[in-house]
Protein backbone atom coordinates (compact mmCIF):
# COMPACT_ATOMS: atom_id res chain seq x y z
CA MET A 1 -15.47 109.47 26.72
CA ASP A 2 -11.95 109.33 25.35
CA THR A 3 -11.39 107.45 22.09
CA LYS A 4 -10.76 103.73 22.47
CA ILE A 5 -7.23 102.43 22.81
CA TRP A 6 -7.16 99.04 21.11
CA LEU A 7 -5.06 96.05 22.04
CA SER A 8 -3.58 95.75 18.54
CA SER A 9 -5.11 97.62 15.62
CA PRO A 10 -4.08 97.68 11.94
CA HIS A 11 -1.38 100.22 11.05
CA MET A 12 -1.09 101.14 7.39
CA GLY A 13 2.24 102.25 5.94
CA GLY A 14 1.13 104.37 2.98
CA ASN A 15 2.01 102.34 -0.11
CA GLU A 16 -0.70 99.68 0.22
CA LEU A 17 -3.01 101.60 -2.11
CA LYS A 18 -0.30 101.79 -4.78
CA TYR A 19 -0.21 98.00 -5.07
CA ILE A 20 -4.00 97.74 -4.91
CA HIS A 21 -4.41 100.31 -7.69
CA GLU A 22 -1.89 98.46 -9.82
CA ALA A 23 -3.93 95.28 -9.38
CA PHE A 24 -7.14 97.06 -10.41
CA ASP A 25 -5.48 98.77 -13.36
CA ALA A 26 -4.17 95.42 -14.65
CA ASN A 27 -7.46 93.64 -13.77
CA TRP A 28 -5.59 91.19 -11.51
CA VAL A 29 -8.53 90.78 -9.14
CA ALA A 30 -8.07 87.09 -8.50
CA PRO A 31 -6.20 84.64 -6.26
CA LEU A 32 -3.13 84.97 -8.47
CA GLY A 33 -1.12 87.80 -9.97
CA PRO A 34 2.03 89.87 -9.50
CA ASN A 35 1.22 90.93 -5.94
CA VAL A 36 0.84 87.30 -4.85
CA ASP A 37 4.18 86.42 -6.41
CA GLY A 38 5.75 89.60 -5.05
CA LEU A 39 4.55 89.10 -1.47
CA GLU A 40 5.89 85.55 -1.47
CA LYS A 41 9.29 86.80 -2.63
CA ASP A 42 9.22 89.62 -0.06
CA LEU A 43 8.56 87.13 2.74
CA GLU A 44 11.22 84.70 1.54
CA SER A 45 13.73 87.54 1.51
CA PHE A 46 12.72 88.77 4.97
CA LEU A 47 12.95 85.31 6.53
CA ASN A 48 16.53 85.25 5.22
CA THR A 49 16.88 81.50 4.86
CA ASP A 50 16.33 78.87 2.18
CA VAL A 51 12.53 78.58 2.31
CA LYS A 52 9.61 78.83 -0.08
CA VAL A 53 6.43 80.69 0.90
CA ALA A 54 2.83 80.22 -0.26
CA VAL A 55 0.45 83.03 0.68
CA LEU A 56 -3.03 81.88 1.64
CA SER A 57 -6.40 83.11 2.85
CA ALA A 58 -5.56 82.62 6.55
CA GLY A 59 -2.96 81.25 8.93
CA THR A 60 -5.52 78.59 9.83
CA ALA A 61 -5.62 77.47 6.21
CA ALA A 62 -1.82 77.24 6.22
CA LEU A 63 -1.87 75.05 9.32
CA HIS A 64 -4.54 72.80 7.80
CA LEU A 65 -2.44 72.29 4.65
CA ALA A 66 0.68 71.64 6.74
CA LEU A 67 -1.11 68.86 8.60
CA ILE A 68 -2.31 67.34 5.33
CA GLU A 69 1.24 67.42 3.93
CA CYS A 70 2.47 65.71 7.10
CA GLY A 71 0.04 62.87 6.37
CA VAL A 72 -2.41 63.53 9.21
CA VAL A 73 -5.68 61.66 8.66
CA HIS A 74 -8.75 60.61 10.60
CA GLY A 75 -7.86 58.77 13.79
CA ASP A 76 -4.34 60.16 14.11
CA GLU A 77 -2.99 62.18 17.04
CA VAL A 78 -1.19 65.51 16.79
CA ILE A 79 0.71 67.15 19.64
CA CYS A 80 -0.22 70.80 20.19
CA GLN A 81 0.75 73.51 22.63
CA SER A 82 -2.11 74.08 25.07
CA MET A 83 -1.61 77.79 25.72
CA THR A 84 -2.57 79.24 22.35
CA PHE A 85 -5.49 80.52 20.30
CA SER A 86 -7.97 77.88 19.15
CA ALA A 87 -6.83 78.26 15.52
CA SER A 88 -3.69 76.29 16.46
CA ALA A 89 -5.80 73.28 17.39
CA ASN A 90 -8.90 73.49 15.19
CA PRO A 91 -7.20 72.23 11.99
CA ILE A 92 -6.31 69.03 13.84
CA ALA A 93 -10.05 68.44 14.19
CA TYR A 94 -10.57 69.38 10.51
CA CYS A 95 -8.41 66.36 9.68
CA GLY A 96 -10.42 64.09 11.98
CA ALA A 97 -7.42 63.74 14.29
CA THR A 98 -7.15 64.19 18.05
CA PRO A 99 -5.03 66.92 19.67
CA VAL A 100 -2.70 65.95 22.50
CA PHE A 101 -2.09 69.10 24.53
CA ILE A 102 1.21 70.07 26.18
CA ASP A 103 1.71 72.47 29.08
CA SER A 104 3.92 75.58 28.97
CA GLU A 105 7.23 76.28 30.67
CA ASN A 106 7.67 79.45 32.73
CA GLU A 107 10.44 81.17 30.76
CA THR A 108 8.86 81.56 27.31
CA TRP A 109 5.29 80.45 28.14
CA ASN A 110 5.62 78.07 25.20
CA MET A 111 5.67 74.27 24.87
CA CYS A 112 7.48 72.56 27.74
CA PRO A 113 10.14 70.18 26.32
CA ILE A 114 9.91 67.94 29.40
CA ALA A 115 6.14 67.48 29.05
CA LEU A 116 6.56 67.06 25.28
CA LYS A 117 8.90 64.09 25.65
CA GLU A 118 6.70 62.57 28.36
CA ALA A 119 3.70 62.81 26.05
CA ILE A 120 5.47 61.25 23.05
CA VAL A 121 6.77 58.32 25.10
CA ASP A 122 3.35 57.72 26.65
CA ARG A 123 1.43 57.98 23.36
CA ILE A 124 3.85 55.54 21.69
CA SER A 125 3.41 53.13 24.62
CA LYS A 126 -0.33 53.28 23.90
CA GLY A 127 0.24 52.49 20.22
CA LYS A 128 -0.49 56.05 19.03
CA LYS A 129 2.70 57.69 17.82
CA PRO A 130 1.87 61.36 17.11
CA LYS A 131 1.98 62.38 13.44
CA ALA A 132 3.14 65.99 14.03
CA ILE A 133 4.06 68.53 16.70
CA ILE A 134 2.54 72.02 16.59
CA VAL A 135 4.63 74.46 18.63
CA VAL A 136 3.55 78.10 19.02
CA HIS A 137 5.69 81.23 19.43
CA LEU A 138 3.28 82.87 21.86
CA TYR A 139 2.82 86.65 21.58
CA GLY A 140 5.94 86.70 19.41
CA MET A 141 8.19 85.02 21.98
CA PRO A 142 10.29 82.25 20.39
CA ALA A 143 9.87 78.78 21.85
CA LYS A 144 12.85 76.69 23.01
CA MET A 145 13.41 75.38 19.51
CA ASP A 146 16.74 73.61 20.10
CA GLU A 147 15.22 71.37 22.75
CA ILE A 148 11.95 70.84 20.91
CA THR A 149 13.52 69.98 17.54
CA LYS A 150 15.99 67.62 19.22
CA ILE A 151 13.11 65.66 20.77
CA ALA A 152 11.19 65.70 17.47
CA GLU A 153 14.21 64.34 15.60
CA GLU A 154 14.76 61.64 18.24
CA PHE A 155 11.27 60.29 17.58
CA ASP A 156 11.14 61.24 13.87
CA ILE A 157 8.06 63.47 14.19
CA PRO A 158 7.73 66.57 11.96
CA VAL A 159 7.49 69.98 13.62
CA ILE A 160 5.01 72.63 12.47
CA GLU A 161 5.77 76.09 13.84
CA ASP A 162 2.75 78.29 14.49
CA ALA A 163 4.54 81.61 14.04
CA ALA A 164 1.28 83.48 13.44
CA GLU A 165 2.26 86.00 16.13
CA ALA A 166 6.02 85.90 15.54
CA LEU A 167 6.90 87.46 12.17
CA GLY A 168 10.11 89.35 12.91
CA SER A 169 11.06 87.23 15.93
CA THR A 170 14.25 85.15 15.93
CA TYR A 171 15.84 82.38 17.98
CA LYS A 172 19.66 82.37 17.95
CA GLY A 173 19.49 84.70 14.96
CA LYS A 174 17.21 82.46 12.87
CA ALA A 175 13.70 83.55 11.93
CA CYS A 176 10.76 81.96 13.71
CA GLY A 177 8.79 79.87 11.24
CA THR A 178 11.90 78.42 9.58
CA PHE A 179 12.91 75.69 12.08
CA GLY A 180 10.24 73.06 11.42
CA ARG A 181 9.19 71.18 8.32
CA PHE A 182 6.54 73.88 7.97
CA GLY A 183 5.94 77.30 9.45
CA ILE A 184 2.71 79.27 9.71
CA LEU A 185 2.31 83.04 9.44
CA SER A 186 -0.81 85.17 9.95
CA PHE A 187 -1.73 88.55 8.51
CA ASN A 188 -5.03 88.95 10.34
CA GLY A 189 -6.11 92.52 11.11
CA ASN A 190 -4.57 92.48 14.58
CA LYS A 191 -1.17 91.07 13.60
CA ILE A 192 2.13 92.94 13.32
CA ILE A 193 1.38 93.47 9.61
CA THR A 194 -1.91 92.70 7.91
CA THR A 195 -3.43 91.87 4.55
CA SER A 196 -6.87 92.49 6.18
CA GLY A 197 -7.10 88.72 6.44
CA GLY A 198 -4.60 86.17 5.25
CA GLY A 199 -1.66 83.97 6.11
CA ALA A 200 1.23 82.03 4.68
CA LEU A 201 2.75 78.57 4.70
CA VAL A 202 6.54 78.50 5.01
CA CYS A 203 7.96 75.41 3.29
CA ARG A 204 11.41 73.85 3.24
CA ASN A 205 11.37 73.17 -0.49
CA GLN A 206 9.61 73.96 -3.77
CA GLU A 207 7.90 70.55 -3.88
CA ASP A 208 6.06 71.17 -0.61
CA LYS A 209 5.07 74.66 -1.74
CA ASP A 210 3.77 73.37 -5.07
CA LYS A 211 1.65 70.77 -3.32
CA ALA A 212 0.26 73.41 -0.95
CA VAL A 213 -0.68 75.72 -3.83
CA PHE A 214 -2.25 72.77 -5.69
CA LEU A 215 -4.41 71.87 -2.69
CA ALA A 216 -5.22 75.54 -2.00
CA THR A 217 -6.60 76.03 -5.52
CA GLN A 218 -9.16 73.21 -5.44
CA ALA A 219 -6.64 70.50 -6.42
CA ARG A 220 -7.33 70.78 -10.11
CA ASP A 221 -5.43 68.21 -12.17
CA ASN A 222 -3.40 69.25 -15.22
CA ALA A 223 -6.07 68.64 -17.85
CA PRO A 224 -7.97 70.80 -20.38
CA HIS A 225 -11.20 70.07 -18.50
CA TYR A 226 -11.93 70.25 -14.76
CA GLN A 227 -10.62 67.03 -13.28
CA HIS A 228 -9.89 66.34 -9.61
CA SER A 229 -8.08 63.36 -8.11
CA HIS A 230 -7.72 64.91 -4.65
CA ILE A 231 -9.92 66.91 -2.31
CA GLY A 232 -8.93 70.57 -2.64
CA PHE A 233 -9.64 73.83 -0.85
CA ASN A 234 -10.25 77.47 -1.72
CA TYR A 235 -7.33 78.74 0.37
CA ARG A 236 -5.26 80.97 -1.92
CA MET A 237 -4.73 84.67 -1.11
CA SER A 238 -6.17 87.19 -3.58
CA ASN A 239 -3.97 89.57 -5.54
CA ILE A 240 -5.77 92.50 -3.86
CA SER A 241 -5.00 91.27 -0.34
CA ALA A 242 -1.44 90.50 -1.37
CA GLY A 243 -1.13 94.12 -2.53
CA ILE A 244 -1.92 95.29 1.00
CA GLY A 245 0.71 92.85 2.22
CA ARG A 246 3.36 94.21 -0.14
CA GLY A 247 2.82 97.70 1.22
CA GLN A 248 2.97 96.38 4.77
CA MET A 249 6.22 94.51 4.14
CA GLU A 250 7.88 97.86 3.38
CA VAL A 251 7.32 98.95 7.01
CA LEU A 252 7.63 95.60 8.79
CA ARG A 253 10.96 96.34 10.44
CA ASP A 254 9.59 99.67 11.70
CA ARG A 255 6.55 97.87 13.12
CA VAL A 256 8.74 95.37 14.98
CA GLU A 257 10.79 98.21 16.43
CA ALA A 258 7.64 100.05 17.55
CA ARG A 259 6.21 96.96 19.26
CA ARG A 260 9.48 96.35 21.05
CA LYS A 261 9.45 99.96 22.24
CA MET A 262 5.97 99.40 23.68
CA HIS A 263 7.40 96.45 25.61
CA ASP A 264 10.17 98.71 26.94
CA PHE A 265 7.52 101.26 27.92
CA TYR A 266 5.78 98.64 30.07
CA VAL A 267 9.05 97.47 31.62
CA ASN A 268 9.65 101.04 32.75
CA LEU A 269 6.03 101.56 33.83
CA PHE A 270 5.96 98.53 36.11
CA LYS A 271 9.58 98.53 37.32
CA ASP A 272 8.73 99.97 40.75
CA ILE A 273 5.55 97.93 41.31
CA ASP A 274 6.34 94.77 43.25
CA GLY A 275 4.37 91.72 42.20
CA ILE A 276 4.06 92.52 38.48
CA GLU A 277 6.31 90.79 35.95
CA VAL A 278 6.52 91.95 32.33
CA PHE A 279 6.86 89.07 29.86
CA SER A 280 10.39 89.37 28.45
CA GLU A 281 13.07 87.32 26.70
CA PRO A 282 14.83 84.92 29.10
CA THR A 283 18.25 85.24 27.38
CA SER A 284 19.87 86.96 24.41
CA ASP A 285 19.17 83.84 22.31
CA PHE A 286 15.54 84.99 22.13
CA TYR A 287 14.51 88.05 20.11
CA ALA A 288 10.76 88.71 20.33
CA ASN A 289 8.78 91.06 18.13
CA HIS A 290 6.59 91.61 21.24
CA TRP A 291 3.48 91.49 19.09
CA LEU A 292 1.60 91.73 22.37
CA SER A 293 3.14 92.89 25.62
CA ALA A 294 1.87 90.98 28.63
CA ILE A 295 2.25 90.91 32.39
CA VAL A 296 1.64 88.49 35.25
CA VAL A 297 0.09 89.96 38.40
CA ASP A 298 0.75 88.42 41.83
CA GLU A 299 -2.32 89.52 43.78
CA LYS A 300 -0.80 88.45 47.10
CA ILE A 301 1.92 91.07 46.65
CA THR A 302 0.06 93.84 44.81
CA GLY A 303 -3.26 93.59 46.62
CA LYS A 304 -4.86 93.92 43.19
CA SER A 305 -5.70 91.18 40.70
CA ARG A 306 -5.29 90.89 36.96
CA GLU A 307 -9.03 91.46 36.73
CA ASP A 308 -8.87 94.65 38.79
CA LEU A 309 -6.43 96.08 36.27
CA ARG A 310 -8.41 94.90 33.26
CA LEU A 311 -11.57 96.54 34.60
CA ALA A 312 -9.70 99.75 35.43
CA PHE A 313 -8.51 99.90 31.83
CA LEU A 314 -12.00 99.11 30.55
CA ASP A 315 -13.44 101.97 32.60
CA GLN A 316 -11.13 104.32 30.69
CA ASN A 317 -12.01 102.81 27.29
CA ILE A 318 -8.69 100.96 27.03
CA GLU A 319 -8.72 97.39 25.74
CA SER A 320 -6.76 94.67 27.51
CA ARG A 321 -7.48 90.96 27.79
CA PRO A 322 -6.52 87.84 29.76
CA LEU A 323 -3.92 85.52 28.27
CA TRP A 324 -5.12 82.72 26.02
CA LYS A 325 -7.25 80.21 27.91
CA PRO A 326 -5.39 76.88 27.57
CA MET A 327 -6.90 74.53 25.01
CA HIS A 328 -7.12 71.62 27.46
CA LEU A 329 -9.58 73.75 29.50
CA GLN A 330 -11.80 74.55 26.52
CA PRO A 331 -15.16 72.72 26.41
CA VAL A 332 -14.64 71.69 22.78
CA PHE A 333 -11.41 69.83 23.66
CA GLU A 334 -12.24 68.61 27.17
CA THR A 335 -11.77 64.93 26.25
CA SER A 336 -8.34 65.42 24.66
CA PRO A 337 -5.20 64.13 26.42
CA TYR A 338 -3.06 66.65 28.32
CA TYR A 339 0.48 66.43 29.64
CA GLY A 340 2.05 68.81 32.14
CA THR A 341 1.23 70.51 35.39
CA LYS A 342 -0.64 73.79 35.89
CA ILE A 343 1.79 76.35 34.49
CA SER A 344 -0.46 77.44 31.61
CA GLU A 345 -3.47 77.49 33.94
CA THR A 346 -1.67 79.73 36.42
CA LEU A 347 -0.55 82.07 33.64
CA PHE A 348 -4.14 82.28 32.38
CA ASP A 349 -5.44 83.07 35.86
CA ASN A 350 -2.95 85.89 36.48
CA GLY A 351 -1.83 87.18 33.08
CA LEU A 352 -2.99 90.19 31.10
CA CYS A 353 -2.24 91.35 27.53
CA LEU A 354 -1.78 95.10 27.24
CA PRO A 355 -2.28 97.59 24.38
CA SER A 356 0.69 97.00 22.09
CA GLY A 357 -0.07 98.58 18.72
CA SER A 358 2.70 100.18 16.68
CA ASN A 359 0.39 103.19 16.14
CA LEU A 360 -0.10 104.13 19.82
CA SER A 361 0.62 107.79 20.57
CA GLU A 362 2.29 109.53 23.50
CA GLU A 363 -1.19 110.58 24.61
CA ASP A 364 -2.27 106.92 24.56
CA ARG A 365 0.73 105.92 26.66
CA ALA A 366 -0.03 108.72 29.13
CA ARG A 367 -3.59 107.42 29.54
CA ILE A 368 -2.30 103.86 30.09
CA SER A 369 0.22 105.11 32.65
CA LYS A 370 -2.41 107.04 34.57
CA VAL A 371 -4.64 103.97 34.97
CA VAL A 372 -1.72 101.92 36.29
CA LYS A 373 -0.50 104.61 38.68
CA ASP A 374 -4.00 105.33 39.99
CA LEU A 375 -4.67 101.65 40.67
CA PHE A 376 -1.36 100.73 42.25
């Protein structure tokens, strides 16, 4: 059988080992060191705005700390986009709070501003004003941040941007992850760049970053002995992992360009197949890194379903997968409130994520094309 074509595999740039070797040579094998400081500076420079970045063990850890800094405690409610990976919602439960899920809108597949406002008004009428809003830039597509931040400001609720999939994406020229009080980045193995595992918290000021680092390093008080006045966590990124990240940052712009070219490849591949829509930016205000390229299949027009295509790919050892199953449909969150219609459900039923890696070859693209042409 042909070698497997993955949905999104790690893609090394070449200089990662240089930074790792430097860390070993200097014995900086710890959750601090020059690579940690350097990666934070690299990210701050790339985001190109006045932010401070703390690199951490995972994007999930960053989201957990953001919720804590927003004052979320047991019994609170936090608004969260429904169409997302479970890591967007799980930290709400870590805090003992309840997620309130919001449907998508059709253009960006992200949080629907209309349903968001409806939810806030209704929760306030029930005496439960939400403590934060978690909006996700799904598959690297920026959400409608103007509308969402306007609503958040109207009700004085902090916004946390889950930009785990959106490093390199912009909305109206501004980097995703820099609109809210906090932003979240992920460097998991399948992301646009990786530290093998890791993430970052994007903060508006040094004070918020310092608090995040304090909490992420077991909340040790400034004393000669080990003293703790707060519950802390072991969430800091290691200097070794940060070294991988520094090497990856050198090729980040190339990786974004390669992912966007994969999106263009799919636009061309499906242009003559009625009933298949490639997920694309609605206007020039949106610039997506296209971390994952995705399509929606209208079976009534094509005569073939999303699942028919997925299985055809699988038969040729090519990985694809359905869109994220909305959180309000997940058994673990079945009792949580939900606002919206069935847009996210319909997208889940008919959508498919396609191989999108920046390291895919012409041979890989030829194999993908053959499966599509044979099926349709």
